[in-house]
Amino acid sequence: MSKLLIGKLSDIDIRGSRTVRVKETEIALFRLEDGSVLAIENRCPHKGGLLSEGMVCGTVVHCPLHDWKIDLHSGLVKDPDDGCVTTFATEIDPENGAIYVTL
């Protein structure tokens, strides 16, 4: 596993998102209302919708194509739909606001 510096907390608005590409994987980062940052694969398992373009409600992102609801902590799709996406551990340096993602 490797820990990568992705950016700064100030780069992502509250309830906003940002994407980064690491080799073949595009990762969507979401900054929640509590200031935490969660990271998931930026691709809905249903039809490949870009999750970074979806609306976040609490800790769930709604796919912009067909409204599938995906838990940002686990990557699991909510019932009645089925599937999952890869999640990535995140860490925020409290001193400088640097965001790290572990792959």
PDB file of N, CA and C in Angstrom:
ATOM      1  N   MET A   1       0.842  -1.181   0.000  1.00  0.00           N
ATOM      2  CA  MET A   1       0.000   0.000   0.000  1.00  0.00           C
ATOM      3  C   MET A   1       0.887   1.244   0.000  1.00  0.00           C
ATOM      4  N   SER A   2       0.395   2.270  -0.679  1.00  0.00           N
ATOM      5  CA  SER A   2       1.151   3.518  -0.704  1.00  0.00           C
ATOM      6  C   SER A   2       0.238   4.686  -0.378  1.00  0.00           C
ATOM      7  N   LYS A   3       0.795   5.660   0.328  1.00  0.00           N
ATOM      8  CA  LYS A   3       0.053   6.858   0.719  1.00  0.00           C
ATOM      9  C   LYS A   3       0.493   7.994  -0.199  1.00  0.00           C
ATOM     10  N   LEU A   4      -0.493   8.602  -0.888  1.00  0.00           N
ATOM     11  CA  LEU A   4      -0.197   9.666  -1.840  1.00  0.00           C
ATOM     12  C   LEU A   4      -0.778  10.990  -1.391  1.00  0.00           C
ATOM     13  N   LEU A   5      -0.009  12.049  -1.538  1.00  0.00           N
ATOM     14  CA  LEU A   5      -0.500  13.396  -1.292  1.00  0.00           C
ATOM     15  C   LEU A   5      -1.388  13.777  -2.471  1.00  0.00           C
ATOM     16  N   ILE A   6      -2.636  14.119  -2.174  1.00  0.00           N
ATOM     17  CA  ILE A   6      -3.608  14.430  -3.219  1.00  0.00           C
ATOM     18  C   ILE A   6      -3.819  15.933  -3.380  1.00  0.00           C
ATOM     19  N   GLY A   7      -3.775  16.673  -2.308  1.00  0.00           N
ATOM     20  CA  GLY A   7      -4.025  18.109  -2.356  1.00  0.00           C
ATOM     21  C   GLY A   7      -4.240  18.638  -0.957  1.00  0.00           C
ATOM     22  N   LYS A   8      -4.876  19.791  -0.884  1.00  0.00           N
ATOM     23  CA  LYS A   8      -5.143  20.438   0.404  1.00  0.00           C
ATOM     24  C   LYS A   8      -6.649  20.454   0.668  1.00  0.00           C
ATOM     25  N   LEU A   9      -6.991  20.453   1.927  1.00  0.00           N
ATOM     26  CA  LEU A   9      -8.391  20.506   2.336  1.00  0.00           C
ATOM     27  C   LEU A   9      -9.076  21.743   1.758  1.00  0.00           C
ATOM     28  N   SER A  10      -8.364  22.836   1.666  1.00  0.00           N
ATOM     29  CA  SER A  10      -8.932  24.080   1.131  1.00  0.00           C
ATOM     30  C   SER A  10      -9.259  23.979  -0.367  1.00  0.00           C
ATOM     31  N   ASP A  11      -8.773  22.933  -1.039  1.00  0.00           N
ATOM     32  CA  ASP A  11      -9.061  22.733  -2.466  1.00  0.00           C
ATOM     33  C   ASP A  11     -10.469  22.209  -2.723  1.00  0.00           C
ATOM     34  N   ILE A  12     -11.118  21.683  -1.676  1.00  0.00           N
ATOM     35  CA  ILE A  12     -12.446  21.085  -1.833  1.00  0.00           C
ATOM     36  C   ILE A  12     -13.435  21.813  -0.937  1.00  0.00           C
ATOM     37  N   ASP A  13     -14.474  22.379  -1.521  1.00  0.00           N
ATOM     38  CA  ASP A  13     -15.515  23.046  -0.742  1.00  0.00           C
ATOM     39  C   ASP A  13     -16.284  22.030   0.099  1.00  0.00           C
ATOM     40  N   ILE A  14     -16.866  22.495   1.197  1.00  0.00           N
ATOM     41  CA  ILE A  14     -17.765  21.644   1.986  1.00  0.00           C
ATOM     42  C   ILE A  14     -18.885  21.180   1.056  1.00  0.00           C
ATOM     43  N   ARG A  15     -19.201  19.891   1.109  1.00  0.00           N
ATOM     44  CA  ARG A  15     -20.188  19.223   0.245  1.00  0.00           C
ATOM     45  C   ARG A  15     -19.772  19.233  -1.228  1.00  0.00           C
ATOM     46  N   GLY A  16     -18.482  19.442  -1.477  1.00  0.00           N
ATOM     47  CA  GLY A  16     -17.968  19.440  -2.846  1.00  0.00           C
ATOM     48  C   GLY A  16     -17.165  18.188  -3.122  1.00  0.00           C
ATOM     49  N   SER A  17     -16.708  18.084  -4.372  1.00  0.00           N
ATOM     50  CA  SER A  17     -15.901  16.935  -4.764  1.00  0.00           C
ATOM     51  C   SER A  17     -14.737  17.375  -5.640  1.00  0.00           C
ATOM     52  N   ARG A  18     -13.823  16.467  -5.807  1.00  0.00           N
ATOM     53  CA  ARG A  18     -12.649  16.684  -6.653  1.00  0.00           C
ATOM     54  C   ARG A  18     -12.230  15.309  -7.166  1.00  0.00           C
ATOM     55  N   THR A  19     -11.646  15.270  -8.342  1.00  0.00           N
ATOM     56  CA  THR A  19     -11.175  13.992  -8.865  1.00  0.00           C
ATOM     57  C   THR A  19      -9.671  14.028  -9.080  1.00  0.00           C
ATOM     58  N   VAL A  20      -9.070  12.865  -8.931  1.00  0.00           N
ATOM     59  CA  VAL A  20      -7.655  12.680  -9.232  1.00  0.00           C
ATOM     60  C   VAL A  20      -7.510  11.341  -9.951  1.00  0.00           C
ATOM     61  N   ARG A  21      -6.544  11.261 -10.824  1.00  0.00           N
ATOM     62  CA  ARG A  21      -6.261  10.008 -11.518  1.00  0.00           C
ATOM     63  C   ARG A  21      -4.933   9.474 -11.023  1.00  0.00           C
ATOM     64  N   VAL A  22      -4.951   8.209 -10.618  1.00  0.00           N
ATOM     65  CA  VAL A  22      -3.744   7.516 -10.195  1.00  0.00           C
ATOM     66  C   VAL A  22      -3.619   6.287 -11.086  1.00  0.00           C
ATOM     67  N   LYS A  23      -2.686   6.361 -12.020  1.00  0.00           N
ATOM     68  CA  LYS A  23      -2.502   5.324 -13.041  1.00  0.00           C
ATOM     69  C   LYS A  23      -3.818   5.122 -13.790  1.00  0.00           C
ATOM     70  N   GLU A  24      -4.417   3.947 -13.695  1.00  0.00           N
ATOM     71  CA  GLU A  24      -5.649   3.642 -14.441  1.00  0.00           C
ATOM     72  C   GLU A  24      -6.922   3.968 -13.659  1.00  0.00           C
ATOM     73  N   THR A  25      -6.787   4.415 -12.428  1.00  0.00           N
ATOM     74  CA  THR A  25      -7.947   4.610 -11.556  1.00  0.00           C
ATOM     75  C   THR A  25      -8.246   6.086 -11.347  1.00  0.00           C
ATOM     76  N   GLU A  26      -9.507   6.450 -11.581  1.00  0.00           N
ATOM     77  CA  GLU A  26      -9.945   7.806 -11.240  1.00  0.00           C
ATOM     78  C   GLU A  26     -10.636   7.731  -9.888  1.00  0.00           C
ATOM     79  N   ILE A  27     -10.223   8.610  -8.990  1.00  0.00           N
ATOM     80  CA  ILE A  27     -10.737   8.636  -7.629  1.00  0.00           C
ATOM     81  C   ILE A  27     -11.525   9.919  -7.415  1.00  0.00           C
ATOM     82  N   ALA A  28     -12.701   9.782  -6.802  1.00  0.00           N
ATOM     83  CA  ALA A  28     -13.513  10.940  -6.428  1.00  0.00           C
ATOM     84  C   ALA A  28     -13.348  11.168  -4.931  1.00  0.00           C
ATOM     85  N   LEU A  29     -13.014  12.396  -4.567  1.00  0.00           N
ATOM     86  CA  LEU A  29     -12.899  12.771  -3.159  1.00  0.00           C
ATOM     87  C   LEU A  29     -14.070  13.679  -2.817  1.00  0.00           C
ATOM     88  N   PHE A  30     -14.703  13.417  -1.689  1.00  0.00           N
ATOM     89  CA  PHE A  30     -15.849  14.202  -1.249  1.00  0.00           C
ATOM     90  C   PHE A  30     -15.555  14.785   0.122  1.00  0.00           C
ATOM     91  N   ARG A  31     -15.795  16.083   0.263  1.00  0.00           N
ATOM     92  CA  ARG A  31     -15.653  16.730   1.573  1.00  0.00           C
ATOM     93  C   ARG A  31     -17.039  16.856   2.177  1.00  0.00           C
ATOM     94  N   LEU A  32     -17.239  16.191   3.297  1.00  0.00           N
ATOM     95  CA  LEU A  32     -18.543  16.159   3.942  1.00  0.00           C
ATOM     96  C   LEU A  32     -18.756  17.387   4.822  1.00  0.00           C
ATOM     97  N   GLU A  33     -19.981  17.537   5.298  1.00  0.00           N
ATOM     98  CA  GLU A  33     -20.331  18.702   6.121  1.00  0.00           C
ATOM     99  C   GLU A  33     -19.500  18.794   7.397  1.00  0.00           C
ATOM    100  N   ASP A  34     -19.050  17.653   7.909  1.00  0.00           N
ATOM    101  CA  ASP A  34     -18.238  17.673   9.128  1.00  0.00           C
ATOM    102  C   ASP A  34     -16.765  17.968   8.844  1.00  0.00           C
ATOM    103  N   GLY A  35     -16.428  18.206   7.571  1.00  0.00           N
ATOM    104  CA  GLY A  35     -15.064  18.529   7.193  1.00  0.00           C
ATOM    105  C   GLY A  35     -14.213  17.329   6.814  1.00  0.00           C
ATOM    106  N   SER A  36     -14.719  16.120   7.054  1.00  0.00           N
ATOM    107  CA  SER A  36     -13.954  14.925   6.687  1.00  0.00           C
ATOM    108  C   SER A  36     -13.950  14.746   5.174  1.00  0.00           C
ATOM    109  N   VAL A  37     -12.994  13.977   4.684  1.00  0.00           N
ATOM    110  CA  VAL A  37     -12.876  13.703   3.253  1.00  0.00           C
ATOM    111  C   VAL A  37     -12.902  12.195   3.053  1.00  0.00           C
ATOM    112  N   LEU A  38     -13.778  11.737   2.161  1.00  0.00           N
ATOM    113  CA  LEU A  38     -13.872  10.321   1.822  1.00  0.00           C
ATOM    114  C   LEU A  38     -13.552  10.149   0.346  1.00  0.00           C
ATOM    115  N   ALA A  39     -12.979   8.998   0.001  1.00  0.00           N
ATOM    116  CA  ALA A  39     -12.546   8.757  -1.374  1.00  0.00           C
ATOM    117  C   ALA A  39     -13.064   7.416  -1.876  1.00  0.00           C
ATOM    118  N   ILE A  40     -13.609   7.440  -3.104  1.00  0.00           N
ATOM    119  CA  ILE A  40     -14.105   6.223  -3.745  1.00  0.00           C
ATOM    120  C   ILE A  40     -13.741   6.240  -5.219  1.00  0.00           C
ATOM    121  N   GLU A  41     -13.836   5.087  -5.825  1.00  0.00           N
ATOM    122  CA  GLU A  41     -13.658   4.982  -7.273  1.00  0.00           C
ATOM    123  C   GLU A  41     -14.730   5.834  -7.947  1.00  0.00           C
ATOM    124  N   ASN A  42     -14.354   6.622  -8.938  1.00  0.00           N
ATOM    125  CA  ASN A  42     -15.266   7.580  -9.574  1.00  0.00           C
ATOM    126  C   ASN A  42     -16.059   6.931 -10.712  1.00  0.00           C
ATOM    127  N   ARG A  43     -16.718   5.815 -10.404  1.00  0.00           N
ATOM    128  CA  ARG A  43     -17.452   5.104 -11.441  1.00  0.00           C
ATOM    129  C   ARG A  43     -18.557   4.276 -10.809  1.00  0.00           C
ATOM    130  N   CYS A  44     -19.796   4.585 -11.157  1.00  0.00           N
ATOM    131  CA  CYS A  44     -20.920   3.818 -10.645  1.00  0.00           C
ATOM    132  C   CYS A  44     -20.875   2.401 -11.231  1.00  0.00           C
ATOM    133  N   PRO A  45     -21.147   1.376 -10.410  1.00  0.00           N
ATOM    134  CA  PRO A  45     -21.103   0.005 -10.925  1.00  0.00           C
ATOM    135  C   PRO A  45     -22.246  -0.316 -11.884  1.00  0.00           C
ATOM    136  N   HIS A  46     -23.258   0.526 -11.951  1.00  0.00           N
ATOM    137  CA  HIS A  46     -24.404   0.278 -12.818  1.00  0.00           C
ATOM    138  C   HIS A  46     -24.099   0.573 -14.277  1.00  0.00           C
ATOM    139  N   LYS A  47     -23.872   1.841 -14.606  1.00  0.00           N
ATOM    140  CA  LYS A  47     -23.623   2.242 -15.996  1.00  0.00           C
ATOM    141  C   LYS A  47     -22.393   3.129 -16.138  1.00  0.00           C
ATOM    142  N   GLY A  48     -21.558   3.184 -15.099  1.00  0.00           N
ATOM    143  CA  GLY A  48     -20.311   3.930 -15.189  1.00  0.00           C
ATOM    144  C   GLY A  48     -20.431   5.431 -14.992  1.00  0.00           C
ATOM    145  N   GLY A  49     -21.540   5.891 -14.424  1.00  0.00           N
ATOM    146  CA  GLY A  49     -21.710   7.326 -14.174  1.00  0.00           C
ATOM    147  C   GLY A  49     -20.606   7.872 -13.286  1.00  0.00           C
ATOM    148  N   LEU A  50     -20.226   9.117 -13.517  1.00  0.00           N
ATOM    149  CA  LEU A  50     -19.181   9.754 -12.720  1.00  0.00           C
ATOM    150  C   LEU A  50     -19.755  10.185 -11.372  1.00  0.00           C
ATOM    151  N   LEU A  51     -19.369   9.485 -10.328  1.00  0.00           N
ATOM    152  CA  LEU A  51     -19.917   9.757  -9.001  1.00  0.00           C
ATOM    153  C   LEU A  51     -19.541  11.136  -8.495  1.00  0.00           C
ATOM    154  N   SER A  52     -18.425  11.672  -8.959  1.00  0.00           N
ATOM    155  CA  SER A  52     -18.006  13.016  -8.548  1.00  0.00           C
ATOM    156  C   SER A  52     -19.003  14.079  -8.986  1.00  0.00           C
ATOM    157  N   GLU A  53     -19.868  13.745  -9.938  1.00  0.00           N
ATOM    158  CA  GLU A  53     -20.887  14.681 -10.411  1.00  0.00           C
ATOM    159  C   GLU A  53     -22.221  14.482  -9.704  1.00  0.00           C
ATOM    160  N   GLY A  54     -22.262  13.521  -8.776  1.00  0.00           N
ATOM    161  CA  GLY A  54     -23.497  13.230  -8.055  1.00  0.00           C
ATOM    162  C   GLY A  54     -23.684  14.130  -6.854  1.00  0.00           C
ATOM    163  N   MET A  55     -24.889  14.092  -6.310  1.00  0.00           N
ATOM    164  CA  MET A  55     -25.221  14.879  -5.134  1.00  0.00           C
ATOM    165  C   MET A  55     -24.953  14.046  -3.878  1.00  0.00           C
ATOM    166  N   VAL A  56     -24.339  14.671  -2.882  1.00  0.00           N
ATOM    167  CA  VAL A  56     -24.050  13.991  -1.625  1.00  0.00           C
ATOM    168  C   VAL A  56     -25.096  14.376  -0.593  1.00  0.00           C
ATOM    169  N   CYS A  57     -25.672  13.348   0.036  1.00  0.00           N
ATOM    170  CA  CYS A  57     -26.626  13.537   1.133  1.00  0.00           C
ATOM    171  C   CYS A  57     -26.086  12.751   2.319  1.00  0.00           C
ATOM    172  N   GLY A  58     -25.613  13.450   3.326  1.00  0.00           N
ATOM    173  CA  GLY A  58     -24.996  12.773   4.462  1.00  0.00           C
ATOM    174  C   GLY A  58     -23.716  12.099   4.030  1.00  0.00           C
ATOM    175  N   THR A  59     -23.693  10.761   4.107  1.00  0.00           N
ATOM    176  CA  THR A  59     -22.508  10.004   3.680  1.00  0.00           C
ATOM    177  C   THR A  59     -22.825   9.115   2.479  1.00  0.00           C
ATOM    178  N   VAL A  60     -23.801   9.529   1.691  1.00  0.00           N
ATOM    179  CA  VAL A  60     -24.217   8.786   0.499  1.00  0.00           C
ATOM    180  C   VAL A  60     -24.129   9.703  -0.707  1.00  0.00           C
ATOM    181  N   VAL A  61     -23.587   9.179  -1.814  1.00  0.00           N
ATOM    182  CA  VAL A  61     -23.576   9.931  -3.068  1.00  0.00           C
ATOM    183  C   VAL A  61     -24.602   9.294  -3.999  1.00  0.00           C
ATOM    184  N   HIS A  62     -25.358  10.139  -4.702  1.00  0.00           N
ATOM    185  CA  HIS A  62     -26.358   9.688  -5.661  1.00  0.00           C
ATOM    186  C   HIS A  62     -25.742   9.752  -7.054  1.00  0.00           C
ATOM    187  N   CYS A  63     -25.717   8.620  -7.758  1.00  0.00           N
ATOM    188  CA  CYS A  63     -25.181   8.605  -9.118  1.00  0.00           C
ATOM    189  C   CYS A  63     -26.013   9.551  -9.977  1.00  0.00           C
ATOM    190  N   PRO A  64     -25.362  10.404 -10.770  1.00  0.00           N
ATOM    191  CA  PRO A  64     -26.100  11.372 -11.570  1.00  0.00           C
ATOM    192  C   PRO A  64     -26.875  10.751 -12.744  1.00  0.00           C
ATOM    193  N   LEU A  65     -26.574   9.517 -13.115  1.00  0.00           N
ATOM    194  CA  LEU A  65     -27.270   8.901 -14.248  1.00  0.00           C
ATOM    195  C   LEU A  65     -28.617   8.289 -13.867  1.00  0.00           C
ATOM    196  N   HIS A  66     -28.632   7.435 -12.854  1.00  0.00           N
ATOM    197  CA  HIS A  66     -29.862   6.713 -12.519  1.00  0.00           C
ATOM    198  C   HIS A  66     -30.172   6.715 -11.034  1.00  0.00           C
ATOM    199  N   ASP A  67     -29.556   7.648 -10.295  1.00  0.00           N
ATOM    200  CA  ASP A  67     -29.848   7.869  -8.878  1.00  0.00           C
ATOM    201  C   ASP A  67     -29.538   6.673  -7.977  1.00  0.00           C
ATOM    202  N   TRP A  68     -28.609   5.814  -8.380  1.00  0.00           N
ATOM    203  CA  TRP A  68     -28.178   4.775  -7.453  1.00  0.00           C
ATOM    204  C   TRP A  68     -27.496   5.472  -6.277  1.00  0.00           C
ATOM    205  N   LYS A  69     -27.709   4.946  -5.077  1.00  0.00           N
ATOM    206  CA  LYS A  69     -27.170   5.546  -3.860  1.00  0.00           C
ATOM    207  C   LYS A  69     -26.009   4.693  -3.350  1.00  0.00           C
ATOM    208  N   ILE A  70     -24.849   5.315  -3.193  1.00  0.00           N
ATOM    209  CA  ILE A  70     -23.646   4.592  -2.817  1.00  0.00           C
ATOM    210  C   ILE A  70     -23.083   5.157  -1.518  1.00  0.00           C
ATOM    211  N   ASP A  71     -22.880   4.285  -0.547  1.00  0.00           N
ATOM    212  CA  ASP A  71     -22.336   4.680   0.745  1.00  0.00           C
ATOM    213  C   ASP A  71     -20.861   5.034   0.574  1.00  0.00           C
ATOM    214  N   LEU A  72     -20.487   6.236   0.990  1.00  0.00           N
ATOM    215  CA  LEU A  72     -19.116   6.700   0.810  1.00  0.00           C
ATOM    216  C   LEU A  72     -18.118   6.019   1.754  1.00  0.00           C
ATOM    217  N   HIS A  73     -18.604   5.453   2.856  1.00  0.00           N
ATOM    218  CA  HIS A  73     -17.706   4.755   3.781  1.00  0.00           C
ATOM    219  C   HIS A  73     -17.387   3.346   3.292  1.00  0.00           C
ATOM    220  N   SER A  74     -18.399   2.625   2.862  1.00  0.00           N
ATOM    221  CA  SER A  74     -18.221   1.211   2.504  1.00  0.00           C
ATOM    222  C   SER A  74     -18.103   0.962   1.006  1.00  0.00           C
ATOM    223  N   GLY A  75     -18.625   1.879   0.187  1.00  0.00           N
ATOM    224  CA  GLY A  75     -18.668   1.668  -1.255  1.00  0.00           C
ATOM    225  C   GLY A  75     -19.846   0.830  -1.702  1.00  0.00           C
ATOM    226  N   LEU A  76     -20.669   0.388  -0.753  1.00  0.00           N
ATOM    227  CA  LEU A  76     -21.805  -0.470  -1.098  1.00  0.00           C
ATOM    228  C   LEU A  76     -22.978   0.347  -1.636  1.00  0.00           C
ATOM    229  N   VAL A  77     -23.635  -0.213  -2.646  1.00  0.00           N
ATOM    230  CA  VAL A  77     -24.836   0.387  -3.219  1.00  0.00           C
ATOM    231  C   VAL A  77     -26.002   0.060  -2.291  1.00  0.00           C
ATOM    232  N   LYS A  78     -26.852   1.050  -2.054  1.00  0.00           N
ATOM    233  CA  LYS A  78     -28.010   0.878  -1.174  1.00  0.00           C
ATOM    234  C   LYS A  78     -29.132   0.128  -1.888  1.00  0.00           C
ATOM    235  N   ASP A  79     -29.911  -0.632  -1.094  1.00  0.00           N
ATOM    236  CA  ASP A  79     -31.097  -1.343  -1.619  1.00  0.00           C
ATOM    237  C   ASP A  79     -32.070  -0.357  -2.229  1.00  0.00           C
ATOM    238  N   PRO A  80     -32.784  -0.714  -3.237  1.00  0.00           N
ATOM    239  CA  PRO A  80     -32.962  -2.056  -3.786  1.00  0.00           C
ATOM    240  C   PRO A  80     -31.911  -2.430  -4.831  1.00  0.00           C
ATOM    241  N   ASP A  81     -30.980  -1.537  -5.122  1.00  0.00           N
ATOM    242  CA  ASP A  81     -29.952  -1.823  -6.118  1.00  0.00           C
ATOM    243  C   ASP A  81     -28.821  -2.617  -5.468  1.00  0.00           C
ATOM    244  N   ASP A  82     -27.888  -3.102  -6.284  1.00  0.00           N
ATOM    245  CA  ASP A  82     -26.848  -3.975  -5.766  1.00  0.00           C
ATOM    246  C   ASP A  82     -25.530  -3.705  -6.471  1.00  0.00           C
ATOM    247  N   GLY A  83     -24.441  -3.731  -5.720  1.00  0.00           N
ATOM    248  CA  GLY A  83     -23.113  -3.536  -6.284  1.00  0.00           C
ATOM    249  C   GLY A  83     -22.224  -2.822  -5.293  1.00  0.00           C
ATOM    250  N   CYS A  84     -21.001  -2.539  -5.701  1.00  0.00           N
ATOM    251  CA  CYS A  84     -20.093  -1.787  -4.839  1.00  0.00           C
ATOM    252  C   CYS A  84     -18.986  -1.167  -5.675  1.00  0.00           C
ATOM    253  N   VAL A  85     -18.351  -0.168  -5.088  1.00  0.00           N
ATOM    254  CA  VAL A  85     -17.183   0.479  -5.684  1.00  0.00           C
ATOM    255  C   VAL A  85     -16.056   0.426  -4.659  1.00  0.00           C
ATOM    256  N   THR A  86     -14.852   0.577  -5.135  1.00  0.00           N
ATOM    257  CA  THR A  86     -13.684   0.570  -4.260  1.00  0.00           C
ATOM    258  C   THR A  86     -13.619   1.870  -3.469  1.00  0.00           C
ATOM    259  N   THR A  87     -13.320   1.749  -2.181  1.00  0.00           N
ATOM    260  CA  THR A  87     -13.096   2.919  -1.332  1.00  0.00           C
ATOM    261  C   THR A  87     -11.605   3.010  -1.025  1.00  0.00           C
ATOM    262  N   PHE A  88     -11.170   4.195  -0.657  1.00  0.00           N
ATOM    263  CA  PHE A  88      -9.764   4.430  -0.340  1.00  0.00           C
ATOM    264  C   PHE A  88      -9.683   5.173   0.988  1.00  0.00           C
ATOM    265  N   ALA A  89      -8.767   4.740   1.844  1.00  0.00           N
ATOM    266  CA  ALA A  89      -8.574   5.415   3.131  1.00  0.00           C
ATOM    267  C   ALA A  89      -8.007   6.810   2.887  1.00  0.00           C
ATOM    268  N   THR A  90      -8.490   7.776   3.654  1.00  0.00           N
ATOM    269  CA  THR A  90      -7.992   9.146   3.554  1.00  0.00           C
ATOM    270  C   THR A  90      -7.449   9.590   4.906  1.00  0.00           C
ATOM    271  N   GLU A  91      -6.573  10.557   4.846  1.00  0.00           N
ATOM    272  CA  GLU A  91      -5.982  11.120   6.057  1.00  0.00           C
ATOM    273  C   GLU A  91      -5.745  12.609   5.808  1.00  0.00           C
ATOM    274  N   ILE A  92      -6.057  13.426   6.790  1.00  0.00           N
ATOM    275  CA  ILE A  92      -5.837  14.866   6.676  1.00  0.00           C
ATOM    276  C   ILE A  92      -4.819  15.275   7.736  1.00  0.00           C
ATOM    277  N   ASP A  93      -3.762  15.938   7.299  1.00  0.00           N
ATOM    278  CA  ASP A  93      -2.743  16.441   8.224  1.00  0.00           C
ATOM    279  C   ASP A  93      -3.328  17.665   8.923  1.00  0.00           C
ATOM    280  N   PRO A  94      -3.508  17.620  10.252  1.00  0.00           N
ATOM    281  CA  PRO A  94      -4.136  18.745  10.957  1.00  0.00           C
ATOM    282  C   PRO A  94      -3.296  20.019  10.944  1.00  0.00           C
ATOM    283  N   GLU A  95      -2.008  19.893  10.703  1.00  0.00           N
ATOM    284  CA  GLU A  95      -1.142  21.070  10.725  1.00  0.00           C
ATOM    285  C   GLU A  95      -1.221  21.894   9.445  1.00  0.00           C
ATOM    286  N   ASN A  96      -1.297  21.218   8.302  1.00  0.00           N
ATOM    287  CA  ASN A  96      -1.289  21.969   7.040  1.00  0.00           C
ATOM    288  C   ASN A  96      -2.471  21.662   6.116  1.00  0.00           C
ATOM    289  N   GLY A  97      -3.382  20.784   6.543  1.00  0.00           N
ATOM    290  CA  GLY A  97      -4.559  20.474   5.740  1.00  0.00           C
ATOM    291  C   GLY A  97      -4.279  19.609   4.524  1.00  0.00           C
ATOM    292  N   ALA A  98      -3.111  18.990   4.453  1.00  0.00           N
ATOM    293  CA  ALA A  98      -2.788  18.113   3.324  1.00  0.00           C
ATOM    294  C   ALA A  98      -3.671  16.861   3.383  1.00  0.00           C
ATOM    295  N   ILE A  99      -4.176  16.455   2.206  1.00  0.00           N
ATOM    296  CA  ILE A  99      -5.006  15.260   2.100  1.00  0.00           C
ATOM    297  C   ILE A  99      -4.165  14.142   1.501  1.00  0.00           C
ATOM    298  N   TYR A 100      -4.187  12.982   2.167  1.00  0.00           N
ATOM    299  CA  TYR A 100      -3.481  11.805   1.674  1.00  0.00           C
ATOM    300  C   TYR A 100      -4.509  10.696   1.426  1.00  0.00           C
ATOM    301  N   VAL A 101      -4.287   9.940   0.356  1.00  0.00           N
ATOM    302  CA  VAL A 101      -5.110   8.776   0.040  1.00  0.00           C
ATOM    303  C   VAL A 101      -4.199   7.557   0.024  1.00  0.00           C
ATOM    304  N   THR A 102      -4.660   6.495   0.667  1.00  0.00           N
ATOM    305  CA  THR A 102      -3.902   5.240   0.673  1.00  0.00           C
ATOM    306  C   THR A 102      -4.471   4.310  -0.378  1.00  0.00           C
ATOM    307  N   LEU A 103      -3.588   3.833  -1.251  1.00  0.00           N
ATOM    308  CA  LEU A 103      -3.986   2.900  -2.307  1.00  0.00           C
ATOM    309  C   LEU A 103      -3.550   1.495  -1.936  1.00  0.00           C
TER     310      LEU A 103
END
